[in-house]
Amino acid sequence: MTHGYATDMAAQIIDGKALANRYKETIRKRVQALRDQDRSVRLDAILVEGDERLFNQYGVILVNPALYPHVKAREGQAFIDWLTGPEGQRAIATYRIDGAQAFFPNARRDGE
């Protein structure tokens, strides 16, 4: 039951076109800000890729239910387990924007 809930939540986050559009818009705004400073910046080309200075880690944490009793801790933990497990990591790795891999999963579980 909670696995289904987590999968549904993940589907909304990972498979939603809204995420892709927000991601593209974020990148577009960053590039536009650079272009406003330097007119030679092109909006239609990837100029740098793979530089560790561009690393932008995403994370997921469970809100402490002792401090916030209204939190749905079981469902939240189910989502975290799914996202950091093989199925979630595969979903992240296979997510594409315009045919290119958008995210690179690197979740590690305790003890790894």
PDB file of N, CA and C in Angstrom:
ATOM      1  N   MET A   1       0.821  -1.198   0.000  1.00  0.00           N
ATOM      2  CA  MET A   1       0.000   0.000   0.000  1.00  0.00           C
ATOM      3  C   MET A   1       0.861   1.257   0.000  1.00  0.00           C
ATOM      4  N   THR A   2       1.819   1.341   0.934  1.00  0.00           N
ATOM      5  CA  THR A   2       2.663   2.528   0.929  1.00  0.00           C
ATOM      6  C   THR A   2       3.568   2.559  -0.290  1.00  0.00           C
ATOM      7  N   HIS A   3       3.971   1.380  -0.777  1.00  0.00           N
ATOM      8  CA  HIS A   3       4.812   1.355  -1.976  1.00  0.00           C
ATOM      9  C   HIS A   3       4.065   1.980  -3.155  1.00  0.00           C
ATOM     10  N   GLY A   4       2.781   1.638  -3.282  1.00  0.00           N
ATOM     11  CA  GLY A   4       1.975   2.222  -4.350  1.00  0.00           C
ATOM     12  C   GLY A   4       1.865   3.726  -4.217  1.00  0.00           C
ATOM     13  N   TYR A   5       1.701   4.185  -2.981  1.00  0.00           N
ATOM     14  CA  TYR A   5       1.623   5.617  -2.721  1.00  0.00           C
ATOM     15  C   TYR A   5       2.926   6.292  -3.127  1.00  0.00           C
ATOM     16  N   ALA A   6       4.052   5.687  -2.727  1.00  0.00           N
ATOM     17  CA  ALA A   6       5.356   6.250  -3.060  1.00  0.00           C
ATOM     18  C   ALA A   6       5.560   6.256  -4.566  1.00  0.00           C
ATOM     19  N   THR A   7       5.170   5.187  -5.230  1.00  0.00           N
ATOM     20  CA  THR A   7       5.321   5.112  -6.680  1.00  0.00           C
ATOM     21  C   THR A   7       4.463   6.162  -7.362  1.00  0.00           C
ATOM     22  N   ASP A   8       3.235   6.349  -6.891  1.00  0.00           N
ATOM     23  CA  ASP A   8       2.366   7.381  -7.455  1.00  0.00           C
ATOM     24  C   ASP A   8       2.978   8.763  -7.272  1.00  0.00           C
ATOM     25  N   MET A   9       3.509   9.023  -6.071  1.00  0.00           N
ATOM     26  CA  MET A   9       4.128  10.308  -5.797  1.00  0.00           C
ATOM     27  C   MET A   9       5.349  10.496  -6.691  1.00  0.00           C
ATOM     28  N   ALA A  10       6.141   9.465  -6.824  1.00  0.00           N
ATOM     29  CA  ALA A  10       7.333   9.531  -7.661  1.00  0.00           C
ATOM     30  C   ALA A  10       6.949   9.771  -9.121  1.00  0.00           C
ATOM     31  N   ALA A  11       5.892   9.120  -9.554  1.00  0.00           N
ATOM     32  CA  ALA A  11       5.445   9.293 -10.942  1.00  0.00           C
ATOM     33  C   ALA A  11       5.091  10.752 -11.200  1.00  0.00           C
ATOM     34  N   GLN A  12       4.456  11.382 -10.232  1.00  0.00           N
ATOM     35  CA  GLN A  12       4.096  12.786 -10.387  1.00  0.00           C
ATOM     36  C   GLN A  12       5.343  13.652 -10.450  1.00  0.00           C
ATOM     37  N   ILE A  13       6.362  13.293  -9.681  1.00  0.00           N
ATOM     38  CA  ILE A  13       7.581  14.093  -9.638  1.00  0.00           C
ATOM     39  C   ILE A  13       8.469  13.808 -10.838  1.00  0.00           C
ATOM     40  N   ILE A  14       8.703  12.534 -11.125  1.00  0.00           N
ATOM     41  CA  ILE A  14       9.685  12.170 -12.141  1.00  0.00           C
ATOM     42  C   ILE A  14       9.102  12.178 -13.547  1.00  0.00           C
ATOM     43  N   ASP A  15       7.903  11.657 -13.714  1.00  0.00           N
ATOM     44  CA  ASP A  15       7.356  11.519 -15.057  1.00  0.00           C
ATOM     45  C   ASP A  15       6.579  12.736 -15.530  1.00  0.00           C
ATOM     46  N   GLY A  16       6.334  13.681 -14.647  1.00  0.00           N
ATOM     47  CA  GLY A  16       5.518  14.831 -15.016  1.00  0.00           C
ATOM     48  C   GLY A  16       6.226  15.769 -15.966  1.00  0.00           C
ATOM     49  N   LYS A  17       5.524  16.229 -16.972  1.00  0.00           N
ATOM     50  CA  LYS A  17       6.091  17.202 -17.908  1.00  0.00           C
ATOM     51  C   LYS A  17       6.402  18.501 -17.196  1.00  0.00           C
ATOM     52  N   ALA A  18       5.666  18.774 -16.115  1.00  0.00           N
ATOM     53  CA  ALA A  18       5.902  20.007 -15.377  1.00  0.00           C
ATOM     54  C   ALA A  18       7.330  20.057 -14.849  1.00  0.00           C
ATOM     55  N   LEU A  19       7.866  18.922 -14.399  1.00  0.00           N
ATOM     56  CA  LEU A  19       9.234  18.889 -13.897  1.00  0.00           C
ATOM     57  C   LEU A  19      10.209  19.225 -15.017  1.00  0.00           C
ATOM     58  N   ALA A  20      10.015  18.619 -16.158  1.00  0.00           N
ATOM     59  CA  ALA A  20      10.902  18.889 -17.288  1.00  0.00           C
ATOM     60  C   ALA A  20      10.842  20.363 -17.667  1.00  0.00           C
ATOM     61  N   ASN A  21       9.651  20.911 -17.679  1.00  0.00           N
ATOM     62  CA  ASN A  21       9.502  22.315 -18.040  1.00  0.00           C
ATOM     63  C   ASN A  21      10.158  23.229 -17.004  1.00  0.00           C
ATOM     64  N   ARG A  22      10.009  22.890 -15.700  1.00  0.00           N
ATOM     65  CA  ARG A  22      10.652  23.699 -14.655  1.00  0.00           C
ATOM     66  C   ARG A  22      12.166  23.586 -14.770  1.00  0.00           C
ATOM     67  N   TYR A  23      12.659  22.373 -15.034  1.00  0.00           N
ATOM     68  CA  TYR A  23      14.101  22.167 -15.174  1.00  0.00           C
ATOM     69  C   TYR A  23      14.635  23.000 -16.339  1.00  0.00           C
ATOM     70  N   LYS A  24      13.986  22.904 -17.485  1.00  0.00           N
ATOM     71  CA  LYS A  24      14.416  23.672 -18.648  1.00  0.00           C
ATOM     72  C   LYS A  24      14.361  25.165 -18.360  1.00  0.00           C
ATOM     73  N   GLU A  25      13.295  25.605 -17.706  1.00  0.00           N
ATOM     74  CA  GLU A  25      13.132  27.028 -17.417  1.00  0.00           C
ATOM     75  C   GLU A  25      14.220  27.509 -16.458  1.00  0.00           C
ATOM     76  N   THR A  26      14.580  26.700 -15.476  1.00  0.00           N
ATOM     77  CA  THR A  26      15.652  27.059 -14.542  1.00  0.00           C
ATOM     78  C   THR A  26      16.965  27.240 -15.292  1.00  0.00           C
ATOM     79  N   ILE A  27      17.287  26.264 -16.134  1.00  0.00           N
ATOM     80  CA  ILE A  27      18.524  26.347 -16.917  1.00  0.00           C
ATOM     81  C   ILE A  27      18.469  27.547 -17.855  1.00  0.00           C
ATOM     82  N   ARG A  28      17.327  27.724 -18.509  1.00  0.00           N
ATOM     83  CA  ARG A  28      17.189  28.842 -19.446  1.00  0.00           C
ATOM     84  C   ARG A  28      17.400  30.182 -18.729  1.00  0.00           C
ATOM     85  N   LYS A  29      16.852  30.315 -17.513  1.00  0.00           N
ATOM     86  CA  LYS A  29      17.026  31.562 -16.754  1.00  0.00           C
ATOM     87  C   LYS A  29      18.480  31.776 -16.370  1.00  0.00           C
ATOM     88  N   ARG A  30      19.175  30.702 -16.009  1.00  0.00           N
ATOM     89  CA  ARG A  30      20.597  30.834 -15.675  1.00  0.00           C
ATOM     90  C   ARG A  30      21.392  31.291 -16.882  1.00  0.00           C
ATOM     91  N   VAL A  31      21.125  30.672 -18.021  1.00  0.00           N
ATOM     92  CA  VAL A  31      21.843  31.041 -19.246  1.00  0.00           C
ATOM     93  C   VAL A  31      21.477  32.464 -19.648  1.00  0.00           C
ATOM     94  N   GLN A  32      20.204  32.836 -19.521  1.00  0.00           N
ATOM     95  CA  GLN A  32      19.779  34.190 -19.885  1.00  0.00           C
ATOM     96  C   GLN A  32      20.468  35.222 -18.997  1.00  0.00           C
ATOM     97  N   ALA A  33      20.608  34.913 -17.701  1.00  0.00           N
ATOM     98  CA  ALA A  33      21.299  35.839 -16.801  1.00  0.00           C
ATOM     99  C   ALA A  33      22.753  36.023 -17.239  1.00  0.00           C
ATOM    100  N   LEU A  34      23.393  34.921 -17.647  1.00  0.00           N
ATOM    101  CA  LEU A  34      24.755  35.025 -18.160  1.00  0.00           C
ATOM    102  C   LEU A  34      24.788  35.846 -19.440  1.00  0.00           C
ATOM    103  N   ARG A  35      23.805  35.617 -20.283  1.00  0.00           N
ATOM    104  CA  ARG A  35      23.758  36.326 -21.566  1.00  0.00           C
ATOM    105  C   ARG A  35      23.536  37.820 -21.356  1.00  0.00           C
ATOM    106  N   ASP A  36      22.762  38.171 -20.331  1.00  0.00           N
ATOM    107  CA  ASP A  36      22.542  39.582 -20.032  1.00  0.00           C
ATOM    108  C   ASP A  36      23.863  40.269 -19.670  1.00  0.00           C
ATOM    109  N   GLN A  37      24.780  39.504 -19.085  1.00  0.00           N
ATOM    110  CA  GLN A  37      26.095  40.041 -18.722  1.00  0.00           C
ATOM    111  C   GLN A  37      27.066  39.990 -19.898  1.00  0.00           C
ATOM    112  N   ASP A  38      26.892  39.005 -20.762  1.00  0.00           N
ATOM    113  CA  ASP A  38      27.834  38.795 -21.864  1.00  0.00           C
ATOM    114  C   ASP A  38      27.048  38.343 -23.091  1.00  0.00           C
ATOM    115  N   ARG A  39      26.910  39.214 -24.071  1.00  0.00           N
ATOM    116  CA  ARG A  39      26.083  38.940 -25.246  1.00  0.00           C
ATOM    117  C   ARG A  39      26.646  37.803 -26.106  1.00  0.00           C
ATOM    118  N   SER A  40      27.875  37.366 -25.852  1.00  0.00           N
ATOM    119  CA  SER A  40      28.436  36.280 -26.652  1.00  0.00           C
ATOM    120  C   SER A  40      27.945  34.904 -26.188  1.00  0.00           C
ATOM    121  N   VAL A  41      27.266  34.841 -25.034  1.00  0.00           N
ATOM    122  CA  VAL A  41      26.739  33.563 -24.542  1.00  0.00           C
ATOM    123  C   VAL A  41      25.617  33.112 -25.461  1.00  0.00           C
ATOM    124  N   ARG A  42      25.735  31.888 -25.973  1.00  0.00           N
ATOM    125  CA  ARG A  42      24.718  31.351 -26.877  1.00  0.00           C
ATOM    126  C   ARG A  42      23.664  30.608 -26.073  1.00  0.00           C
ATOM    127  N   LEU A  43      22.417  30.716 -26.499  1.00  0.00           N
ATOM    128  CA  LEU A  43      21.314  30.037 -25.835  1.00  0.00           C
ATOM    129  C   LEU A  43      21.001  28.685 -26.459  1.00  0.00           C
ATOM    130  N   ASP A  44      21.671  28.347 -27.551  1.00  0.00           N
ATOM    131  CA  ASP A  44      21.314  27.140 -28.283  1.00  0.00           C
ATOM    132  C   ASP A  44      22.391  26.057 -28.248  1.00  0.00           C
ATOM    133  N   ALA A  45      23.374  26.194 -27.378  1.00  0.00           N
ATOM    134  CA  ALA A  45      24.454  25.212 -27.370  1.00  0.00           C
ATOM    135  C   ALA A  45      24.922  24.923 -25.949  1.00  0.00           C
ATOM    136  N   ILE A  46      25.297  23.674 -25.711  1.00  0.00           N
ATOM    137  CA  ILE A  46      25.928  23.309 -24.446  1.00  0.00           C
ATOM    138  C   ILE A  46      27.404  23.621 -24.603  1.00  0.00           C
ATOM    139  N   LEU A  47      27.915  24.494 -23.752  1.00  0.00           N
ATOM    140  CA  LEU A  47      29.300  24.914 -23.863  1.00  0.00           C
ATOM    141  C   LEU A  47      30.222  24.129 -22.943  1.00  0.00           C
ATOM    142  N   VAL A  48      29.706  23.735 -21.780  1.00  0.00           N
ATOM    143  CA  VAL A  48      30.510  23.004 -20.804  1.00  0.00           C
ATOM    144  C   VAL A  48      29.639  21.906 -20.224  1.00  0.00           C
ATOM    145  N   GLU A  49      30.215  20.729 -20.106  1.00  0.00           N
ATOM    146  CA  GLU A  49      29.475  19.613 -19.532  1.00  0.00           C
ATOM    147  C   GLU A  49      30.456  18.740 -18.765  1.00  0.00           C
ATOM    148  N   GLY A  50      30.041  18.251 -17.604  1.00  0.00           N
ATOM    149  CA  GLY A  50      30.860  17.336 -16.844  1.00  0.00           C
ATOM    150  C   GLY A  50      31.839  17.996 -15.880  1.00  0.00           C
ATOM    151  N   ASP A  51      31.907  19.308 -15.858  1.00  0.00           N
ATOM    152  CA  ASP A  51      32.795  20.007 -14.929  1.00  0.00           C
ATOM    153  C   ASP A  51      32.237  19.864 -13.515  1.00  0.00           C
ATOM    154  N   GLU A  52      33.053  19.393 -12.571  1.00  0.00           N
ATOM    155  CA  GLU A  52      32.536  19.154 -11.220  1.00  0.00           C
ATOM    156  C   GLU A  52      32.073  20.442 -10.543  1.00  0.00           C
ATOM    157  N   ARG A  53      32.489  21.597 -11.024  1.00  0.00           N
ATOM    158  CA  ARG A  53      31.992  22.861 -10.464  1.00  0.00           C
ATOM    159  C   ARG A  53      30.520  23.069 -10.782  1.00  0.00           C
ATOM    160  N   LEU A  54      30.002  22.329 -11.753  1.00  0.00           N
ATOM    161  CA  LEU A  54      28.588  22.424 -12.113  1.00  0.00           C
ATOM    162  C   LEU A  54      27.729  21.435 -11.344  1.00  0.00           C
ATOM    163  N   PHE A  55      28.345  20.606 -10.511  1.00  0.00           N
ATOM    164  CA  PHE A  55      27.625  19.579  -9.754  1.00  0.00           C
ATOM    165  C   PHE A  55      26.529  20.224  -8.919  1.00  0.00           C
ATOM    166  N   ASN A  56      25.322  19.719  -9.048  1.00  0.00           N
ATOM    167  CA  ASN A  56      24.159  20.253  -8.344  1.00  0.00           C
ATOM    168  C   ASN A  56      23.419  19.084  -7.704  1.00  0.00           C
ATOM    169  N   GLN A  57      23.802  18.750  -6.489  1.00  0.00           N
ATOM    170  CA  GLN A  57      23.246  17.590  -5.782  1.00  0.00           C
ATOM    171  C   GLN A  57      21.810  17.853  -5.324  1.00  0.00           C
ATOM    172  N   TYR A  58      20.962  16.881  -5.563  1.00  0.00           N
ATOM    173  CA  TYR A  58      19.609  16.891  -5.011  1.00  0.00           C
ATOM    174  C   TYR A  58      19.578  15.880  -3.877  1.00  0.00           C
ATOM    175  N   GLY A  59      18.773  16.134  -2.874  1.00  0.00           N
ATOM    176  CA  GLY A  59      18.677  15.214  -1.749  1.00  0.00           C
ATOM    177  C   GLY A  59      17.232  15.048  -1.315  1.00  0.00           C
ATOM    178  N   VAL A  60      17.018  14.055  -0.470  1.00  0.00           N
ATOM    179  CA  VAL A  60      15.693  13.814   0.074  1.00  0.00           C
ATOM    180  C   VAL A  60      15.857  13.433   1.542  1.00  0.00           C
ATOM    181  N   ILE A  61      15.065  14.056   2.403  1.00  0.00           N
ATOM    182  CA  ILE A  61      15.097  13.737   3.827  1.00  0.00           C
ATOM    183  C   ILE A  61      13.670  13.622   4.339  1.00  0.00           C
ATOM    184  N   LEU A  62      13.513  12.874   5.389  1.00  0.00           N
ATOM    185  CA  LEU A  62      12.216  12.732   6.035  1.00  0.00           C
ATOM    186  C   LEU A  62      12.122  13.770   7.147  1.00  0.00           C
ATOM    187  N   VAL A  63      11.055  14.533   7.138  1.00  0.00           N
ATOM    188  CA  VAL A  63      10.826  15.512   8.191  1.00  0.00           C
ATOM    189  C   VAL A  63      10.564  14.764   9.494  1.00  0.00           C
ATOM    190  N   ASN A  64      11.111  15.260  10.584  1.00  0.00           N
ATOM    191  CA  ASN A  64      10.997  14.609  11.880  1.00  0.00           C
ATOM    192  C   ASN A  64       9.553  14.629  12.382  1.00  0.00           C
ATOM    193  N   PRO A  65       8.895  13.457  12.453  1.00  0.00           N
ATOM    194  CA  PRO A  65       7.503  13.425  12.899  1.00  0.00           C
ATOM    195  C   PRO A  65       7.340  13.768  14.384  1.00  0.00           C
ATOM    196  N   ALA A  66       8.413  13.673  15.165  1.00  0.00           N
ATOM    197  CA  ALA A  66       8.337  14.070  16.574  1.00  0.00           C
ATOM    198  C   ALA A  66       8.184  15.588  16.691  1.00  0.00           C
ATOM    199  N   LEU A  67       8.771  16.305  15.757  1.00  0.00           N
ATOM    200  CA  LEU A  67       8.658  17.766  15.751  1.00  0.00           C
ATOM    201  C   LEU A  67       7.439  18.259  14.964  1.00  0.00           C
ATOM    202  N   TYR A  68       7.033  17.467  13.988  1.00  0.00           N
ATOM    203  CA  TYR A  68       5.908  17.832  13.119  1.00  0.00           C
ATOM    204  C   TYR A  68       4.961  16.647  13.029  1.00  0.00           C
ATOM    205  N   PRO A  69       4.073  16.489  14.016  1.00  0.00           N
ATOM    206  CA  PRO A  69       3.227  15.294  14.108  1.00  0.00           C
ATOM    207  C   PRO A  69       2.296  15.076  12.905  1.00  0.00           C
ATOM    208  N   HIS A  70       2.014  16.113  12.151  1.00  0.00           N
ATOM    209  CA  HIS A  70       1.110  15.968  10.999  1.00  0.00           C
ATOM    210  C   HIS A  70       1.791  15.309   9.793  1.00  0.00           C
ATOM    211  N   VAL A  71       3.101  15.145   9.866  1.00  0.00           N
ATOM    212  CA  VAL A  71       3.852  14.547   8.764  1.00  0.00           C
ATOM    213  C   VAL A  71       3.446  13.087   8.576  1.00  0.00           C
ATOM    214  N   LYS A  72       3.282  12.687   7.336  1.00  0.00           N
ATOM    215  CA  LYS A  72       2.963  11.290   7.012  1.00  0.00           C
ATOM    216  C   LYS A  72       4.279  10.531   6.876  1.00  0.00           C
ATOM    217  N   ALA A  73       4.850  10.184   8.039  1.00  0.00           N
ATOM    218  CA  ALA A  73       6.196   9.608   8.075  1.00  0.00           C
ATOM    219  C   ALA A  73       6.285   8.282   7.329  1.00  0.00           C
ATOM    220  N   ARG A  74       5.287   7.436   7.459  1.00  0.00           N
ATOM    221  CA  ARG A  74       5.341   6.126   6.793  1.00  0.00           C
ATOM    222  C   ARG A  74       5.358   6.299   5.277  1.00  0.00           C
ATOM    223  N   GLU A  75       4.500   7.153   4.787  1.00  0.00           N
ATOM    224  CA  GLU A  75       4.453   7.382   3.344  1.00  0.00           C
ATOM    225  C   GLU A  75       5.731   8.069   2.854  1.00  0.00           C
ATOM    226  N   GLY A  76       6.228   9.016   3.656  1.00  0.00           N
ATOM    227  CA  GLY A  76       7.468   9.694   3.297  1.00  0.00           C
ATOM    228  C   GLY A  76       8.637   8.734   3.230  1.00  0.00           C
ATOM    229  N   GLN A  77       8.716   7.836   4.213  1.00  0.00           N
ATOM    230  CA  GLN A  77       9.802   6.856   4.215  1.00  0.00           C
ATOM    231  C   GLN A  77       9.666   5.893   3.047  1.00  0.00           C
ATOM    232  N   ALA A  78       8.433   5.544   2.707  1.00  0.00           N
ATOM    233  CA  ALA A  78       8.218   4.668   1.547  1.00  0.00           C
ATOM    234  C   ALA A  78       8.720   5.341   0.270  1.00  0.00           C
ATOM    235  N   PHE A  79       8.482   6.627   0.146  1.00  0.00           N
ATOM    236  CA  PHE A  79       8.958   7.369  -1.018  1.00  0.00           C
ATOM    237  C   PHE A  79      10.491   7.408  -1.045  1.00  0.00           C
ATOM    238  N   ILE A  80      11.094   7.689   0.107  1.00  0.00           N
ATOM    239  CA  ILE A  80      12.559   7.724   0.183  1.00  0.00           C
ATOM    240  C   ILE A  80      13.144   6.365  -0.187  1.00  0.00           C
ATOM    241  N   ASP A  81      12.542   5.297   0.354  1.00  0.00           N
ATOM    242  CA  ASP A  81      13.022   3.940   0.048  1.00  0.00           C
ATOM    243  C   ASP A  81      12.919   3.651  -1.441  1.00  0.00           C
ATOM    244  N   TRP A  82      11.819   4.071  -2.055  1.00  0.00           N
ATOM    245  CA  TRP A  82      11.645   3.850  -3.490  1.00  0.00           C
ATOM    246  C   TRP A  82      12.668   4.679  -4.273  1.00  0.00           C
ATOM    247  N   LEU A  83      12.788   5.954  -3.932  1.00  0.00           N
ATOM    248  CA  LEU A  83      13.654   6.864  -4.675  1.00  0.00           C
ATOM    249  C   LEU A  83      15.117   6.455  -4.604  1.00  0.00           C
ATOM    250  N   THR A  84      15.558   5.986  -3.447  1.00  0.00           N
ATOM    251  CA  THR A  84      16.965   5.614  -3.279  1.00  0.00           C
ATOM    252  C   THR A  84      17.243   4.151  -3.620  1.00  0.00           C
ATOM    253  N   GLY A  85      16.192   3.385  -3.877  1.00  0.00           N
ATOM    254  CA  GLY A  85      16.339   1.984  -4.255  1.00  0.00           C
ATOM    255  C   GLY A  85      16.553   1.829  -5.745  1.00  0.00           C
ATOM    256  N   PRO A  86      16.728   0.598  -6.194  1.00  0.00           N
ATOM    257  CA  PRO A  86      17.018   0.338  -7.611  1.00  0.00           C
ATOM    258  C   PRO A  86      15.958   0.893  -8.572  1.00  0.00           C
ATOM    259  N   GLU A  87      14.683   0.752  -8.218  1.00  0.00           N
ATOM    260  CA  GLU A  87      13.609   1.209  -9.121  1.00  0.00           C
ATOM    261  C   GLU A  87      13.629   2.734  -9.278  1.00  0.00           C
ATOM    262  N   GLY A  88      13.762   3.434  -8.173  1.00  0.00           N
ATOM    263  CA  GLY A  88      13.807   4.899  -8.226  1.00  0.00           C
ATOM    264  C   GLY A  88      15.051   5.411  -8.923  1.00  0.00           C
ATOM    265  N   GLN A  89      16.193   4.788  -8.630  1.00  0.00           N
ATOM    266  CA  GLN A  89      17.437   5.198  -9.275  1.00  0.00           C
ATOM    267  C   GLN A  89      17.376   4.965 -10.785  1.00  0.00           C
ATOM    268  N   ARG A  90      16.734   3.865 -11.183  1.00  0.00           N
ATOM    269  CA  ARG A  90      16.550   3.576 -12.611  1.00  0.00           C
ATOM    270  C   ARG A  90      15.628   4.626 -13.246  1.00  0.00           C
ATOM    271  N   ALA A  91      14.565   5.003 -12.542  1.00  0.00           N
ATOM    272  CA  ALA A  91      13.640   6.019 -13.069  1.00  0.00           C
ATOM    273  C   ALA A  91      14.356   7.354 -13.261  1.00  0.00           C
ATOM    274  N   ILE A  92      15.198   7.700 -12.314  1.00  0.00           N
ATOM    275  CA  ILE A  92      15.954   8.951 -12.424  1.00  0.00           C
ATOM    276  C   ILE A  92      16.926   8.870 -13.603  1.00  0.00           C
ATOM    277  N   ALA A  93      17.645   7.762 -13.712  1.00  0.00           N
ATOM    278  CA  ALA A  93      18.656   7.610 -14.764  1.00  0.00           C
ATOM    279  C   ALA A  93      18.058   7.602 -16.157  1.00  0.00           C
ATOM    280  N   THR A  94      16.847   7.100 -16.297  1.00  0.00           N
ATOM    281  CA  THR A  94      16.248   6.986 -17.628  1.00  0.00           C
ATOM    282  C   THR A  94      15.394   8.191 -18.006  1.00  0.00           C
ATOM    283  N   TYR A  95      15.272   9.163 -17.112  1.00  0.00           N
ATOM    284  CA  TYR A  95      14.481  10.361 -17.413  1.00  0.00           C
ATOM    285  C   TYR A  95      15.237  11.207 -18.433  1.00  0.00           C
ATOM    286  N   ARG A  96      14.561  11.574 -19.495  1.00  0.00           N
ATOM    287  CA  ARG A  96      15.183  12.317 -20.587  1.00  0.00           C
ATOM    288  C   ARG A  96      14.447  13.627 -20.842  1.00  0.00           C
ATOM    289  N   ILE A  97      15.206  14.628 -21.244  1.00  0.00           N
ATOM    290  CA  ILE A  97      14.656  15.889 -21.734  1.00  0.00           C
ATOM    291  C   ILE A  97      15.247  16.086 -23.115  1.00  0.00           C
ATOM    292  N   ASP A  98      14.388  16.159 -24.106  1.00  0.00           N
ATOM    293  CA  ASP A  98      14.824  16.275 -25.495  1.00  0.00           C
ATOM    294  C   ASP A  98      15.849  15.198 -25.849  1.00  0.00           C
ATOM    295  N   GLY A  99      15.633  13.986 -25.323  1.00  0.00           N
ATOM    296  CA  GLY A  99      16.478  12.849 -25.647  1.00  0.00           C
ATOM    297  C   GLY A  99      17.754  12.724 -24.829  1.00  0.00           C
ATOM    298  N   ALA A 100      18.068  13.719 -24.013  1.00  0.00           N
ATOM    299  CA  ALA A 100      19.299  13.680 -23.221  1.00  0.00           C
ATOM    300  C   ALA A 100      18.989  13.345 -21.767  1.00  0.00           C
ATOM    301  N   GLN A 101      19.873  12.564 -21.153  1.00  0.00           N
ATOM    302  CA  GLN A 101      19.689  12.228 -19.742  1.00  0.00           C
ATOM    303  C   GLN A 101      19.740  13.515 -18.923  1.00  0.00           C
ATOM    304  N   ALA A 102      18.702  13.730 -18.099  1.00  0.00           N
ATOM    305  CA  ALA A 102      18.593  14.970 -17.339  1.00  0.00           C
ATOM    306  C   ALA A 102      19.230  14.881 -15.959  1.00  0.00           C
ATOM    307  N   PHE A 103      19.191  13.708 -15.350  1.00  0.00           N
ATOM    308  CA  PHE A 103      19.675  13.548 -13.986  1.00  0.00           C
ATOM    309  C   PHE A 103      20.545  12.300 -13.894  1.00  0.00           C
ATOM    310  N   PHE A 104      21.489  12.310 -12.968  1.00  0.00           N
ATOM    311  CA  PHE A 104      22.420  11.208 -12.792  1.00  0.00           C
ATOM    312  C   PHE A 104      22.332  10.733 -11.344  1.00  0.00           C
ATOM    313  N   PRO A 105      21.661   9.608 -11.108  1.00  0.00           N
ATOM    314  CA  PRO A 105      21.442   9.150  -9.735  1.00  0.00           C
ATOM    315  C   PRO A 105      22.734   8.672  -9.078  1.00  0.00           C
ATOM    316  N   ASN A 106      22.820   8.910  -7.781  1.00  0.00           N
ATOM    317  CA  ASN A 106      23.996   8.443  -7.046  1.00  0.00           C
ATOM    318  C   ASN A 106      23.652   8.113  -5.588  1.00  0.00           C
ATOM    319  N   ALA A 107      22.434   7.674  -5.349  1.00  0.00           N
ATOM    320  CA  ALA A 107      22.008   7.386  -3.975  1.00  0.00           C
ATOM    321  C   ALA A 107      22.812   6.252  -3.380  1.00  0.00           C
ATOM    322  N   ARG A 108      23.159   6.411  -2.131  1.00  0.00           N
ATOM    323  CA  ARG A 108      23.812   5.358  -1.348  1.00  0.00           C
ATOM    324  C   ARG A 108      22.988   5.130  -0.101  1.00  0.00           C
ATOM    325  N   ARG A 109      22.844   3.910   0.274  1.00  0.00           N
ATOM    326  CA  ARG A 109      22.135   3.561   1.498  1.00  0.00           C
ATOM    327  C   ARG A 109      23.123   3.532   2.650  1.00  0.00           C
ATOM    328  N   ASP A 110      22.630   3.594   3.885  1.00  0.00           N
ATOM    329  CA  ASP A 110      23.498   3.511   5.070  1.00  0.00           C
ATOM    330  C   ASP A 110      24.423   2.312   4.947  1.00  0.00           C
ATOM    331  N   GLY A 111      25.692   2.510   5.228  1.00  0.00           N
ATOM    332  CA  GLY A 111      26.655   1.422   5.193  1.00  0.00           C
ATOM    333  C   GLY A 111      27.297   1.197   3.836  1.00  0.00           C
ATOM    334  N   GLU A 112      26.887   1.917   2.830  1.00  0.00           N
ATOM    335  CA  GLU A 112      27.473   1.723   1.496  1.00  0.00           C
ATOM    336  C   GLU A 112      28.624   2.670   1.279  1.00  0.00           C
TER     337      GLU A 112
END
